[in-house]
Amino acid sequence: MNRATTNLRALALSSVLLSITLAGCRTTRSAATKADKAVAEALSEAEYVQQVGRLSTPDYRTLTATMYVELNPDTKDEMSSRARLKIIRGRCLQISITPLVGIELFRLEVSRDSVKIIDRMGRRYAAEPIDEIKKQIPAYAKADFPYDFHYEHLEALLTDRLFTP
């Protein structure tokens, strides 16, 4: 092999590598076009917030997540345990604390109209309508936080959806 063909091959190889490298650095996302900006400007603020909320809403019927919970009661003992969060869209939300596999210690269930707390170890339970809980909120708290909090807001908060009070 002569020196000219070796230089030609090295040049061809380096140009192929350079083109592959530059092609690999290309972005996969598309930038907003002028048409997109025009559509956004044409919408009112309320319509724009509704459209963003609709597009950012996760699509699910039932959502289940495993969490790690640390409880620090007034005593010196700390308790940490696994918990399971289950959300049935539009119906209810359950948080179940299970320190050992298959043994449920505590359950909290929030539905559209009531809150239920079940203590399996102490064999106690409490159920209260949300309207009764709202009546027990002091007047000074209502003055500081004038928004009415609904079940949908709690569900949106836990699923990272956009919500407006």
C-alpha atoms as a PDB file:
ATOM      1  CA  MET A   1       0.000   0.000   0.000  1.00  0.00           C
ATOM      2  CA  ASN A   2       1.266   3.377  -0.789  1.00  0.00           C
ATOM      3  CA  ARG A   3       1.097   6.396   1.401  1.00  0.00           C
ATOM      4  CA  ALA A   4      -1.610   8.210  -0.626  1.00  0.00           C
ATOM      5  CA  THR A   5      -4.178   5.415  -0.216  1.00  0.00           C
ATOM      6  CA  THR A   6      -3.456   5.212   3.520  1.00  0.00           C
ATOM      7  CA  ASN A   7      -4.022   8.954   3.899  1.00  0.00           C
ATOM      8  CA  LEU A   8      -7.199   8.716   1.799  1.00  0.00           C
ATOM      9  CA  ARG A   9      -8.573   5.898   3.981  1.00  0.00           C
ATOM     10  CA  ALA A  10      -7.736   7.808   7.183  1.00  0.00           C
ATOM     11  CA  LEU A  11      -9.485  10.901   5.804  1.00  0.00           C
ATOM     12  CA  ALA A  12     -12.558   8.861   4.795  1.00  0.00           C
ATOM     13  CA  LEU A  13     -12.695   7.139   8.188  1.00  0.00           C
ATOM     14  CA  SER A  14     -12.408  10.397  10.130  1.00  0.00           C
ATOM     15  CA  SER A  15     -15.110  12.084   7.995  1.00  0.00           C
ATOM     16  CA  VAL A  16     -17.469   9.120   8.554  1.00  0.00           C
ATOM     17  CA  LEU A  17     -16.839   9.245  12.324  1.00  0.00           C
ATOM     18  CA  LEU A  18     -17.342  13.014  12.363  1.00  0.00           C
ATOM     19  CA  SER A  19     -20.653  12.759  10.479  1.00  0.00           C
ATOM     20  CA  ILE A  20     -21.900  10.004  12.831  1.00  0.00           C
ATOM     21  CA  THR A  21     -20.938  12.076  15.869  1.00  0.00           C
ATOM     22  CA  LEU A  22     -22.662  15.198  14.573  1.00  0.00           C
ATOM     23  CA  ALA A  23     -25.791  13.261  13.589  1.00  0.00           C
ATOM     24  CA  GLY A  24     -25.971  11.709  17.078  1.00  0.00           C
ATOM     25  CA  CYS A  25     -25.982  15.120  18.782  1.00  0.00           C
ATOM     26  CA  ARG A  26     -29.234  16.172  17.119  1.00  0.00           C
ATOM     27  CA  THR A  27     -32.137  16.869  19.501  1.00  0.00           C
ATOM     28  CA  THR A  28     -35.213  14.645  19.442  1.00  0.00           C
ATOM     29  CA  ARG A  29     -37.588  17.376  20.607  1.00  0.00           C
ATOM     30  CA  SER A  30     -39.129  19.910  18.315  1.00  0.00           C
ATOM     31  CA  ALA A  31     -39.162  23.571  19.201  1.00  0.00           C
ATOM     32  CA  ALA A  32     -42.369  25.559  19.383  1.00  0.00           C
ATOM     33  CA  THR A  33     -43.247  27.065  16.060  1.00  0.00           C
ATOM     34  CA  LYS A  34     -44.714  30.471  15.367  1.00  0.00           C
ATOM     35  CA  ALA A  35     -48.086  28.799  14.786  1.00  0.00           C
ATOM     36  CA  ASP A  36     -47.979  27.288  18.301  1.00  0.00           C
ATOM     37  CA  LYS A  37     -47.209  30.694  19.795  1.00  0.00           C
ATOM     38  CA  ALA A  38     -50.057  32.257  17.821  1.00  0.00           C
ATOM     39  CA  VAL A  39     -52.499  29.642  19.138  1.00  0.00           C
ATOM     40  CA  ALA A  40     -51.286  30.227  22.719  1.00  0.00           C
ATOM     41  CA  GLU A  41     -51.721  33.987  22.356  1.00  0.00           C
ATOM     42  CA  ALA A  42     -55.211  33.561  20.868  1.00  0.00           C
ATOM     43  CA  LEU A  43     -56.429  31.617  23.913  1.00  0.00           C
ATOM     44  CA  SER A  44     -57.512  33.427  27.015  1.00  0.00           C
ATOM     45  CA  GLU A  45     -55.653  32.682  30.233  1.00  0.00           C
ATOM     46  CA  ALA A  46     -58.452  30.484  31.594  1.00  0.00           C
ATOM     47  CA  GLU A  47     -58.703  28.502  28.348  1.00  0.00           C
ATOM     48  CA  TYR A  48     -54.929  28.061  28.287  1.00  0.00           C
ATOM     49  CA  VAL A  49     -54.876  26.753  31.880  1.00  0.00           C
ATOM     50  CA  GLN A  50     -57.713  24.336  31.044  1.00  0.00           C
ATOM     51  CA  GLN A  51     -55.882  23.076  27.960  1.00  0.00           C
ATOM     52  CA  VAL A  52     -52.614  22.575  29.870  1.00  0.00           C
ATOM     53  CA  GLY A  53     -54.508  20.786  32.651  1.00  0.00           C
ATOM     54  CA  ARG A  54     -56.244  18.508  30.159  1.00  0.00           C
ATOM     55  CA  LEU A  55     -52.988  17.627  28.394  1.00  0.00           C
ATOM     56  CA  SER A  56     -51.078  17.001  31.637  1.00  0.00           C
ATOM     57  CA  THR A  57     -53.700  14.722  33.208  1.00  0.00           C
ATOM     58  CA  PRO A  58     -52.395  11.168  33.653  1.00  0.00           C
ATOM     59  CA  ASP A  59     -54.597   8.462  32.160  1.00  0.00           C
ATOM     60  CA  TYR A  60     -55.451   5.841  34.799  1.00  0.00           C
ATOM     61  CA  ARG A  61     -58.413   4.175  36.481  1.00  0.00           C
ATOM     62  CA  THR A  62     -56.582   2.693  39.455  1.00  0.00           C
ATOM     63  CA  LEU A  63     -53.187   3.806  40.705  1.00  0.00           C
ATOM     64  CA  THR A  64     -51.190   1.821  43.259  1.00  0.00           C
ATOM     65  CA  ALA A  65     -47.902   2.979  44.774  1.00  0.00           C
ATOM     66  CA  THR A  66     -45.639   1.675  47.514  1.00  0.00           C
ATOM     67  CA  MET A  67     -44.295   4.229  49.984  1.00  0.00           C
ATOM     68  CA  TYR A  68     -42.000   4.319  52.983  1.00  0.00           C
ATOM     69  CA  VAL A  69     -43.538   6.153  55.968  1.00  0.00           C
ATOM     70  CA  GLU A  70     -41.876   7.402  59.151  1.00  0.00           C
ATOM     71  CA  LEU A  71     -44.139   8.191  62.100  1.00  0.00           C
ATOM     72  CA  ASN A  72     -42.852  10.139  65.080  1.00  0.00           C
ATOM     73  CA  PRO A  73     -45.483  10.087  67.823  1.00  0.00           C
ATOM     74  CA  ASP A  74     -45.177  12.118  71.028  1.00  0.00           C
ATOM     75  CA  THR A  75     -43.296   9.270  72.658  1.00  0.00           C
ATOM     76  CA  LYS A  76     -39.612   8.624  72.049  1.00  0.00           C
ATOM     77  CA  ASP A  77     -40.334   5.640  69.829  1.00  0.00           C
ATOM     78  CA  GLU A  78     -40.160   6.205  66.100  1.00  0.00           C
ATOM     79  CA  MET A  79     -41.920   3.913  63.709  1.00  0.00           C
ATOM     80  CA  SER A  80     -41.024   3.449  60.082  1.00  0.00           C
ATOM     81  CA  SER A  81     -42.939   1.149  57.821  1.00  0.00           C
ATOM     82  CA  ARG A  82     -43.954   0.374  54.302  1.00  0.00           C
ATOM     83  CA  ALA A  83     -47.264   1.756  53.138  1.00  0.00           C
ATOM     84  CA  ARG A  84     -49.414   1.273  50.089  1.00  0.00           C
ATOM     85  CA  LEU A  85     -51.317   4.075  48.395  1.00  0.00           C
ATOM     86  CA  LYS A  86     -54.245   3.108  46.199  1.00  0.00           C
ATOM     87  CA  ILE A  87     -56.277   5.653  44.261  1.00  0.00           C
ATOM     88  CA  ILE A  88     -59.430   4.729  42.397  1.00  0.00           C
ATOM     89  CA  ARG A  89     -59.962   7.723  40.149  1.00  0.00           C
ATOM     90  CA  GLY A  90     -62.898   9.852  41.203  1.00  0.00           C
ATOM     91  CA  ARG A  91     -64.010   7.449  43.968  1.00  0.00           C
ATOM     92  CA  CYS A  92     -61.605   6.919  46.849  1.00  0.00           C
ATOM     93  CA  LEU A  93     -58.069   7.006  48.142  1.00  0.00           C
ATOM     94  CA  GLN A  94     -56.608   4.418  50.541  1.00  0.00           C
ATOM     95  CA  ILE A  95     -53.374   4.472  52.515  1.00  0.00           C
ATOM     96  CA  SER A  96     -52.568   1.162  54.173  1.00  0.00           C
ATOM     97  CA  ILE A  97     -49.599   0.792  56.563  1.00  0.00           C
ATOM     98  CA  THR A  98     -48.171  -2.741  56.679  1.00  0.00           C
ATOM     99  CA  PRO A  99     -45.065  -3.165  58.882  1.00  0.00           C
ATOM    100  CA  LEU A 100     -44.825  -6.904  58.160  1.00  0.00           C
ATOM    101  CA  VAL A 101     -45.772  -8.714  54.998  1.00  0.00           C
ATOM    102  CA  GLY A 102     -49.491  -9.452  55.032  1.00  0.00           C
ATOM    103  CA  ILE A 103     -50.227  -7.724  58.357  1.00  0.00           C
ATOM    104  CA  GLU A 104     -52.100  -4.443  58.051  1.00  0.00           C
ATOM    105  CA  LEU A 105     -51.599  -2.115  61.006  1.00  0.00           C
ATOM    106  CA  PHE A 106     -53.568   0.963  59.952  1.00  0.00           C
ATOM    107  CA  ARG A 107     -55.770   2.111  57.065  1.00  0.00           C
ATOM    108  CA  LEU A 108     -56.986   5.549  56.046  1.00  0.00           C
ATOM    109  CA  GLU A 109     -59.702   5.780  53.405  1.00  0.00           C
ATOM    110  CA  VAL A 110     -60.861   9.096  51.958  1.00  0.00           C
ATOM    111  CA  SER A 111     -63.845   9.141  49.631  1.00  0.00           C
ATOM    112  CA  ARG A 112     -65.809  12.000  48.125  1.00  0.00           C
ATOM    113  CA  ASP A 113     -68.111  12.242  51.141  1.00  0.00           C
ATOM    114  CA  SER A 114     -66.360  10.620  54.132  1.00  0.00           C
ATOM    115  CA  VAL A 115     -63.104   9.792  55.910  1.00  0.00           C
ATOM    116  CA  LYS A 116     -62.595   6.379  57.525  1.00  0.00           C
ATOM    117  CA  ILE A 117     -59.722   5.420  59.819  1.00  0.00           C
ATOM    118  CA  ILE A 118     -59.188   1.786  60.808  1.00  0.00           C
ATOM    119  CA  ASP A 119     -56.715   0.766  63.536  1.00  0.00           C
ATOM    120  CA  ARG A 120     -56.299  -3.001  63.182  1.00  0.00           C
ATOM    121  CA  MET A 121     -53.951  -3.415  66.152  1.00  0.00           C
ATOM    122  CA  GLY A 122     -56.144  -1.447  68.579  1.00  0.00           C
ATOM    123  CA  ARG A 123     -59.331  -2.825  66.993  1.00  0.00           C
ATOM    124  CA  ARG A 124     -60.828   0.652  66.627  1.00  0.00           C
ATOM    125  CA  TYR A 125     -62.308   2.595  63.748  1.00  0.00           C
ATOM    126  CA  ALA A 126     -63.729   6.016  63.058  1.00  0.00           C
ATOM    127  CA  ALA A 127     -65.885   7.239  60.197  1.00  0.00           C
ATOM    128  CA  GLU A 128     -66.856  10.862  59.712  1.00  0.00           C
ATOM    129  CA  PRO A 129     -68.596  12.704  56.866  1.00  0.00           C
ATOM    130  CA  ILE A 130     -66.459  15.406  55.271  1.00  0.00           C
ATOM    131  CA  ASP A 131     -69.223  17.983  55.839  1.00  0.00           C
ATOM    132  CA  GLU A 132     -68.931  17.413  59.611  1.00  0.00           C
ATOM    133  CA  ILE A 133     -65.146  17.830  59.446  1.00  0.00           C
ATOM    134  CA  LYS A 134     -65.571  21.120  57.556  1.00  0.00           C
ATOM    135  CA  LYS A 135     -67.922  22.388  60.282  1.00  0.00           C
ATOM    136  CA  GLN A 136     -65.228  21.792  62.917  1.00  0.00           C
ATOM    137  CA  ILE A 137     -62.653  23.993  61.172  1.00  0.00           C
ATOM    138  CA  PRO A 138     -62.277  27.174  63.250  1.00  0.00           C
ATOM    139  CA  ALA A 139     -63.311  30.518  61.778  1.00  0.00           C
ATOM    140  CA  TYR A 140     -59.768  31.945  61.909  1.00  0.00           C
ATOM    141  CA  ALA A 141     -58.495  29.068  59.731  1.00  0.00           C
ATOM    142  CA  LYS A 142     -61.230  29.760  57.188  1.00  0.00           C
ATOM    143  CA  ALA A 143     -60.184  33.412  57.077  1.00  0.00           C
ATOM    144  CA  ASP A 144     -56.537  32.472  56.421  1.00  0.00           C
ATOM    145  CA  PHE A 145     -57.422  29.802  53.846  1.00  0.00           C
ATOM    146  CA  PRO A 146     -60.666  30.855  52.130  1.00  0.00           C
ATOM    147  CA  TYR A 147     -60.646  28.100  49.484  1.00  0.00           C
ATOM    148  CA  ASP A 148     -62.933  25.107  49.741  1.00  0.00           C
ATOM    149  CA  PHE A 149     -60.810  21.936  49.547  1.00  0.00           C
ATOM    150  CA  HIS A 150     -62.421  18.968  47.772  1.00  0.00           C
ATOM    151  CA  TYR A 151     -61.514  15.321  47.221  1.00  0.00           C
ATOM    152  CA  GLU A 152     -60.530  16.113  43.628  1.00  0.00           C
ATOM    153  CA  HIS A 153     -57.866  18.520  44.904  1.00  0.00           C
ATOM    154  CA  LEU A 154     -56.330  15.840  47.141  1.00  0.00           C
ATOM    155  CA  GLU A 155     -56.307  13.349  44.269  1.00  0.00           C
ATOM    156  CA  ALA A 156     -54.732  15.915  41.937  1.00  0.00           C
ATOM    157  CA  LEU A 157     -52.104  16.755  44.545  1.00  0.00           C
ATOM    158  CA  LEU A 158     -51.066  13.113  44.954  1.00  0.00           C
ATOM    159  CA  THR A 159     -51.029  12.356  41.206  1.00  0.00           C
ATOM    160  CA  ASP A 160     -49.163  15.546  40.235  1.00  0.00           C
ATOM    161  CA  ARG A 161     -52.040  16.950  38.197  1.00  0.00           C
ATOM    162  CA  LEU A 162     -52.707  20.625  37.724  1.00  0.00           C
ATOM    163  CA  PHE A 163     -55.552  21.891  39.888  1.00  0.00           C
ATOM    164  CA  THR A 164     -56.966  25.277  40.718  1.00  0.00           C
ATOM    165  CA  PRO A 165     -58.768  25.954  44.005  1.00  0.00           C
END
